[in-house]
Protein backbone atom coordinates (compact mmCIF):
# COMPACT_ATOMS: atom_id res chain seq x y z
CA MET A 1 19.32 -8.61 9.90
CA ARG A 2 18.90 -12.27 10.86
CA SER A 3 16.79 -14.51 8.87
CA THR A 4 15.69 -17.96 8.62
CA GLY A 5 17.05 -20.11 5.40
CA GLN A 6 19.16 -17.51 3.70
CA ALA A 7 22.22 -15.27 4.79
CA ASP A 8 22.05 -12.53 6.88
CA LEU A 9 20.28 -9.21 5.50
CA PRO A 10 22.44 -5.92 5.89
CA GLU A 11 20.18 -3.33 7.63
CA TYR A 12 20.07 0.20 6.32
CA GLY A 13 19.33 3.50 8.50
CA GLU A 14 17.08 6.56 8.20
CA GLU A 15 18.34 7.00 4.78
CA VAL A 16 15.80 4.99 3.23
CA HIS A 17 13.00 7.20 4.50
CA HIS A 18 14.55 9.72 1.84
CA ARG A 19 14.68 10.31 -1.78
CA GLN A 20 16.93 8.36 -3.38
CA PRO A 21 19.55 9.43 -5.93
CA PRO A 22 17.76 8.71 -9.27
CA GLY A 23 19.50 5.96 -11.99
CA GLU A 24 19.59 6.20 -15.69
CA ALA A 25 17.01 4.06 -16.83
CA GLN A 26 14.24 5.76 -18.24
CA ASN A 27 11.61 3.83 -16.56
CA TRP A 28 13.80 4.35 -12.67
CA GLN A 29 11.10 5.71 -10.18
CA ASP A 30 11.02 5.94 -6.30
CA SER A 31 7.81 5.90 -4.81
CA VAL A 32 6.26 5.75 -1.43
CA VAL A 33 3.20 4.18 -0.03
CA LEU A 34 0.98 3.90 3.11
CA VAL A 35 -1.61 2.04 3.53
CA TRP A 36 -4.41 2.22 6.98
CA TRP A 37 -7.50 1.39 8.59
CA ASP A 38 -8.89 2.28 11.52
CA GLU A 39 -12.08 -0.54 12.60
CA VAL A 40 -13.58 1.12 15.25
CA ASN A 41 -14.50 4.89 13.06
CA SER A 42 -14.83 3.20 9.52
CA VAL A 43 -11.90 5.46 8.51
CA GLY A 44 -8.64 4.66 6.23
CA GLY A 45 -6.35 5.47 3.61
CA PHE A 46 -4.18 4.79 0.81
CA HIS A 47 -1.53 6.75 -0.57
CA ARG A 48 0.90 6.56 -3.17
CA LEU A 49 3.52 8.92 -4.59
CA GLY A 50 5.82 7.88 -6.85
CA HIS A 51 9.01 10.31 -8.67
CA GLU A 52 9.64 9.45 -12.29
CA PRO A 53 12.46 11.79 -12.71
CA ASN A 54 13.44 10.02 -16.39
CA ALA A 55 9.94 9.90 -17.85
CA VAL A 56 10.02 10.96 -21.37
CA GLY A 57 9.60 14.25 -22.15
CA GLY A 58 10.24 15.40 -18.54
CA GLY A 59 9.58 14.09 -15.11
CA LYS A 60 6.46 12.86 -14.16
CA VAL A 61 4.97 12.08 -10.37
CA THR A 62 2.44 9.35 -10.05
CA CYS A 63 -0.42 10.72 -7.35
CA TRP A 64 -2.73 8.11 -5.81
CA ASN A 65 -4.84 9.42 -2.68
CA TYR A 66 -7.71 8.09 -1.22
CA LEU A 67 -9.33 8.54 2.08
CA TRP A 68 -12.53 6.49 3.54
CA ALA A 69 -14.80 7.66 6.20
CA PRO A 70 -18.47 7.06 6.85
CA GLU A 71 -19.01 10.50 4.77
CA GLY A 72 -18.11 9.15 1.70
CA VAL A 73 -14.73 8.55 -0.64
CA TYR A 74 -12.04 11.04 -1.10
CA LYS A 75 -10.57 10.08 -4.16
CA LYS A 76 -7.67 12.00 -5.73
CA THR A 77 -5.06 10.53 -8.32
CA GLY A 78 -3.10 12.02 -11.10
CA TYR A 79 0.12 12.13 -13.32
CA ASN A 80 1.46 15.54 -12.65
CA ALA A 81 4.57 17.21 -14.22
CA LEU A 82 7.30 16.42 -11.42
CA ARG A 83 8.78 20.29 -10.23
CA ASP A 84 11.65 21.80 -8.58
CA GLN A 85 9.21 22.11 -5.63
CA ASP A 86 8.51 18.49 -5.61
CA LEU A 87 11.57 17.59 -3.95
CA LEU A 88 11.49 18.25 -0.96
CA PRO A 89 14.10 20.24 1.26
CA ASN A 90 14.17 17.55 3.92
CA GLY A 91 14.18 14.39 1.55
CA GLY A 92 10.37 14.29 1.41
CA TYR A 93 8.00 14.14 -2.12
CA GLY A 94 5.49 16.49 -3.21
CA ASN A 95 3.07 15.71 -5.61
CA GLY A 96 2.76 17.99 -7.97
CA ASP A 97 0.11 20.42 -7.57
CA ASP A 98 0.72 20.74 -3.59
CA THR A 99 -2.59 18.67 -2.06
CA CYS A 100 0.01 16.10 -0.88
CA ARG A 101 3.00 15.43 0.77
CA SER A 102 5.63 12.42 2.13
CA GLU A 103 7.90 13.36 4.72
CA TYR A 104 10.44 11.97 7.18
CA VAL A 105 10.70 14.71 10.65
CA ASP A 106 11.85 13.37 14.13
CA GLY A 107 11.92 9.51 13.61
CA GLU A 108 8.33 9.61 12.06
CA ASN A 109 6.71 9.11 8.50
CA VAL A 110 4.23 12.09 7.87
CA TRP A 111 2.03 12.24 5.34
CA SER A 112 0.14 16.10 4.86
CA ILE A 113 -2.85 16.04 2.89
CA ASP A 114 -4.44 19.76 2.28
CA ASP A 115 -7.32 19.81 -0.55
CA PRO A 116 -9.49 23.24 0.23
CA GLU A 117 -11.08 22.91 -2.96
CA HIS A 118 -12.74 19.37 -1.80
CA GLU A 119 -12.69 20.54 2.22
CA THR A 120 -10.43 17.26 2.35
CA SER A 121 -7.27 17.56 5.27
CA ALA A 122 -5.74 14.80 7.18
CA CYS A 123 -2.09 14.37 8.78
CA LEU A 124 -1.11 11.12 9.09
CA LYS A 125 2.01 10.35 11.78
CA LEU A 126 3.69 7.00 12.31
CA VAL A 127 6.50 4.79 13.04
CA ASP A 128 8.01 2.24 10.71
CA ILE A 129 9.19 -0.33 13.09
CA SER A 130 9.52 -3.60 9.60
CA GLY A 131 13.24 -3.19 9.53
CA ASN A 132 15.13 -1.46 6.62
CA VAL A 133 16.03 -4.33 4.56
CA ASP A 134 16.99 -5.19 0.84
CA CYS A 135 14.45 -8.25 -0.18
CA PHE A 136 14.31 -7.00 -3.63
CA PRO A 137 15.72 -9.66 -6.13
CA LYS A 138 18.65 -8.20 -8.07
CA SER A 139 18.39 -11.07 -10.82
CA ALA A 140 15.90 -13.30 -10.25
CA SER A 141 13.09 -14.77 -12.54
CA ILE A 142 9.36 -15.17 -12.48
CA LYS A 143 10.05 -19.12 -11.28
CA SER A 144 12.05 -18.53 -8.01
CA PHE A 145 10.27 -14.23 -7.58
CA ASN A 146 8.35 -15.71 -4.79
CA THR A 147 11.80 -16.84 -2.89
CA ALA A 148 13.30 -13.44 -3.57
CA HIS A 149 11.14 -11.16 -3.51
CA PHE A 150 9.74 -8.84 -0.80
CA ASP A 151 7.44 -11.58 0.92
CA ILE A 152 9.08 -11.61 4.11
CA PRO A 153 7.41 -11.86 7.60
CA ILE A 154 9.48 -10.57 10.33
CA ARG A 155 9.42 -12.27 13.67
CA ASP A 156 11.10 -10.89 16.38
CA ASN A 157 13.59 -9.33 14.52
CA VAL A 158 14.13 -11.99 12.55
CA VAL A 159 13.43 -11.99 8.54
CA ALA A 160 11.60 -15.68 7.44
CA PHE A 161 11.59 -16.29 3.89
CA ALA A 162 9.02 -18.46 1.98
CA LYS A 163 10.36 -21.21 -0.28
CA ASP A 164 6.77 -21.45 -2.07
CA LEU A 165 3.99 -18.99 -2.52
CA ASP A 166 0.45 -19.30 -3.84
CA VAL A 167 -1.85 -16.43 -4.46
CA VAL A 168 -5.44 -16.87 -5.96
CA ALA A 169 -7.63 -13.43 -6.46
CA TYR A 170 -11.45 -14.06 -6.46
CA VAL A 171 -11.35 -11.79 -9.94
CA GLU A 172 -15.32 -9.93 -10.79
CA ILE A 173 -16.86 -10.42 -13.48
CA ASP A 174 -15.34 -7.28 -15.19
CA GLY A 175 -12.22 -9.16 -15.78
CA ALA A 176 -10.43 -6.90 -13.36
CA THR A 177 -11.30 -5.90 -10.18
CA ASN A 178 -11.47 -8.71 -7.17
CA ARG A 179 -13.08 -9.34 -3.32
CA GLY A 180 -9.85 -11.04 -2.13
CA GLY A 181 -8.42 -13.90 -2.56
CA HIS A 182 -6.20 -16.18 -0.84
CA LEU A 183 -2.12 -16.55 -0.29
CA LYS A 184 -0.96 -20.34 1.07
CA TRP A 185 2.45 -18.80 2.03
CA THR A 186 5.36 -21.81 2.72
CA LEU A 187 8.52 -21.35 4.92
CA VAL A 188 11.73 -22.47 4.49
CA SER A 189 11.24 -23.90 7.85
CA GLY A 190 8.26 -25.83 6.72
CA GLU A 191 5.01 -23.46 8.63
CA VAL A 192 2.54 -22.82 5.91
CA LEU A 193 0.51 -19.97 6.33
CA ASP A 194 -3.26 -20.09 5.05
CA ILE A 195 -3.97 -16.62 5.15
CA GLU A 196 -7.73 -15.95 3.52
CA CYS A 197 -8.67 -12.61 2.50
CA THR A 198 -12.45 -10.99 2.85
CA ALA A 199 -13.46 -7.73 1.01
CA LEU A 200 -14.73 -4.80 3.34
CA PRO A 201 -18.34 -3.29 2.54
CA ILE A 202 -16.57 -0.24 1.46
CA PRO A 203 -15.71 0.93 -2.12
CA GLY A 204 -12.72 -0.14 -3.81
CA VAL A 205 -10.90 1.99 -6.08
CA VAL A 206 -9.46 1.62 -9.43
CA SER A 207 -6.49 3.93 -10.51
CA TYR A 208 -4.42 3.56 -14.10
CA HIS A 209 -0.84 4.09 -14.87
CA ASN A 210 0.96 3.12 -18.13
CA ASP A 211 -2.57 1.65 -19.41
CA ASN A 212 -2.56 -0.87 -16.20
CA CYS A 213 -6.18 -0.94 -14.39
CA VAL A 214 -4.75 -0.99 -10.52
CA VAL A 215 -7.66 -2.06 -8.29
CA GLU A 216 -7.30 -1.46 -4.33
CA ARG A 217 -9.49 -3.77 -2.30
CA PHE A 218 -9.61 -3.18 1.50
CA CYS A 219 -10.18 -6.90 2.88
CA SER A 220 -9.77 -8.46 6.63
CA TRP A 221 -7.94 -11.71 6.81
CA THR A 222 -7.73 -14.00 9.02
CA SER A 223 -4.74 -17.45 9.66
CA GLY A 224 -4.71 -19.32 12.38
CA GLY A 225 -5.74 -17.51 15.26
CA LEU A 226 -4.67 -14.23 14.20
CA LYS A 227 -6.85 -11.66 12.05
CA GLY A 228 -6.27 -8.36 10.56
CA PHE A 229 -6.97 -6.17 7.60
CA CYS A 230 -4.82 -5.87 4.38
CA ASP A 231 -4.88 -4.43 1.06
CA PHE A 232 -5.61 -6.84 -1.80
CA GLU A 233 -4.12 -5.05 -4.82
CA THR A 234 -4.59 -6.32 -8.74
CA THR A 235 -3.50 -4.96 -11.47
CA SER A 236 -4.84 -5.98 -15.48
CA ASN A 237 -4.12 -4.30 -18.83
CA ILE A 238 -8.18 -5.22 -19.68
CA GLN A 239 -7.90 -4.89 -23.55
CA LYS A 240 -5.02 -3.04 -23.49
CA GLY A 241 -5.94 -0.55 -21.32
CA SER A 242 -8.86 0.77 -22.73
CA ARG A 243 -11.53 -0.42 -20.94
CA THR A 244 -12.69 0.73 -17.65
CA PRO A 245 -14.09 -2.00 -15.33
CA LYS A 246 -18.20 -1.48 -13.97
CA ASN A 247 -19.24 -4.74 -13.42
CA SER A 248 -18.11 -5.40 -9.86
CA ALA A 249 -20.25 -7.31 -7.56
CA LEU A 250 -18.94 -5.06 -4.60
CA PRO A 251 -18.97 -0.97 -4.86
CA LEU A 252 -16.09 0.79 -6.58
CA SER A 253 -15.28 4.37 -6.03
CA ALA A 254 -15.33 5.98 -9.76
CA THR A 255 -15.44 9.53 -9.25
CA ASP A 256 -12.83 11.81 -10.68
CA SER A 257 -9.63 13.02 -9.74
CA GLY A 258 -10.04 15.35 -6.77
CA GLN A 259 -14.02 14.76 -5.74
CA ILE A 260 -15.80 13.18 -3.12
CA ASP A 261 -17.99 10.54 -3.75
CA ARG A 262 -21.04 10.56 -1.57
CA THR A 263 -23.03 7.76 -2.64
CA ALA A 264 -20.31 5.46 -1.92
CA GLN A 265 -21.36 5.28 1.53
CA VAL A 266 -18.47 3.20 4.49
CA THR A 267 -20.39 0.75 6.36
CA ALA A 268 -18.91 0.13 9.75
CA ILE A 269 -17.56 -3.36 10.92
CA ARG A 270 -15.84 -4.75 14.10
CA LEU A 271 -12.73 -6.49 12.73
CA HIS A 272 -9.37 -6.54 14.72
CA SER A 273 -6.88 -3.83 12.64
CA PHE A 274 -3.27 -3.71 13.37
CA ALA A 275 -3.24 -0.08 11.99
CA CYS A 276 -5.39 0.83 15.36
CA LEU A 277 -3.64 -1.02 18.14
CA GLU A 278 -3.30 1.34 21.09
CA THR A 279 -0.62 -1.64 22.30
CA PHE A 280 1.55 -2.99 19.64
CA ASP A 281 3.63 -6.63 19.87
CA PRO A 282 5.37 -6.69 17.10
CA SER A 283 6.17 -10.38 17.47
CA LEU A 284 2.42 -11.32 17.20
CA SER A 285 1.37 -7.92 14.93
CA THR A 286 1.73 -6.74 11.60
CA LEU A 287 -0.13 -4.58 8.47
CA LEU A 288 0.24 -6.65 5.09
CA VAL A 289 0.00 -5.23 2.04
CA PHE A 290 -1.13 -7.61 -0.48
CA ASN A 291 -0.47 -7.08 -4.45
CA SER A 292 -1.35 -9.53 -6.83
CA LEU A 293 2.19 -11.83 -7.14
CA ALA A 294 3.57 -11.77 -3.53
CA PRO A 295 2.66 -10.17 -0.06
CA LEU A 296 4.70 -6.90 1.37
CA ILE A 297 4.51 -6.67 4.90
CA VAL A 298 5.00 -3.96 6.73
CA GLY A 299 4.95 -3.31 10.72
CA LEU A 300 3.46 0.43 11.41
CA VAL A 301 2.65 1.63 15.14
CA PRO A 302 0.17 4.81 14.99
CA ARG A 303 1.39 8.05 16.67
CA LYS A 304 -1.95 7.88 18.20
CA ARG A 305 -5.56 7.24 17.21
CA MET A 306 -6.08 8.05 13.85
CA ALA A 307 -9.51 9.26 14.19
CA LYS A 308 -7.80 11.76 16.77
CA GLN A 309 -5.62 13.40 13.81
CA GLY A 310 -6.38 16.22 12.17
């Protein structure tokens, strides 16, 4: 794939959508993530499955599975044993308890959720148009993280690298949760993208992994004349992971794993959301997922409107 300011990047085939052969490092992991939001129906989700085959004491699966709807928030997290049946024959990922799986079938990314105990099910089918390129640093210090990491916009199938990146998270009084933030992204071309992220009026969610508190806060974002939605993710280890954040000014879903929090009602909001466009122009529209260090831009085209899926 062509790029600006750097050498052209090799593009990979459909093999990137399947599980990868594990490396030898103890902390080696292979994960898949989906973030989506339908602003018309006020439904959305964050789904992550991470296989850690070399974990001490036996392989593990990290499962973060969240759904937002007007009826409430479904939240299921787990650090489960990695079983043989979680290595799906088609190269997909199981979650350790058969309530969630991710597969790549006939050119579509398919997420299946089935939790009969909590009367929750979903089937999400999407096509990824972001380009299968590897921009992750192979030997980069934090000083060059912003130019080597996967913080890239893709326009008309051309990767635009950044030469400077400044991310400010609006952190709550609890020192962990956020209400969005601001990103100033200077491309090698000299173009500057100023992106303001404002929390949607829906509950954020908190997960823990290796004593790190991970916060997912869905936001609307604006940049010039463009707008859309993003997940503004921040990670911290408050008091070495011993304290749970409870003092956010905005609502959090703090239910136990697998429960539905019906007190955390979702408020309808009218925004332009790239995840539910009937028509899609990849030269103008992308789905942004931010973390506290750098953004990852992924283009997704819904197979059909999320509200019509099972």
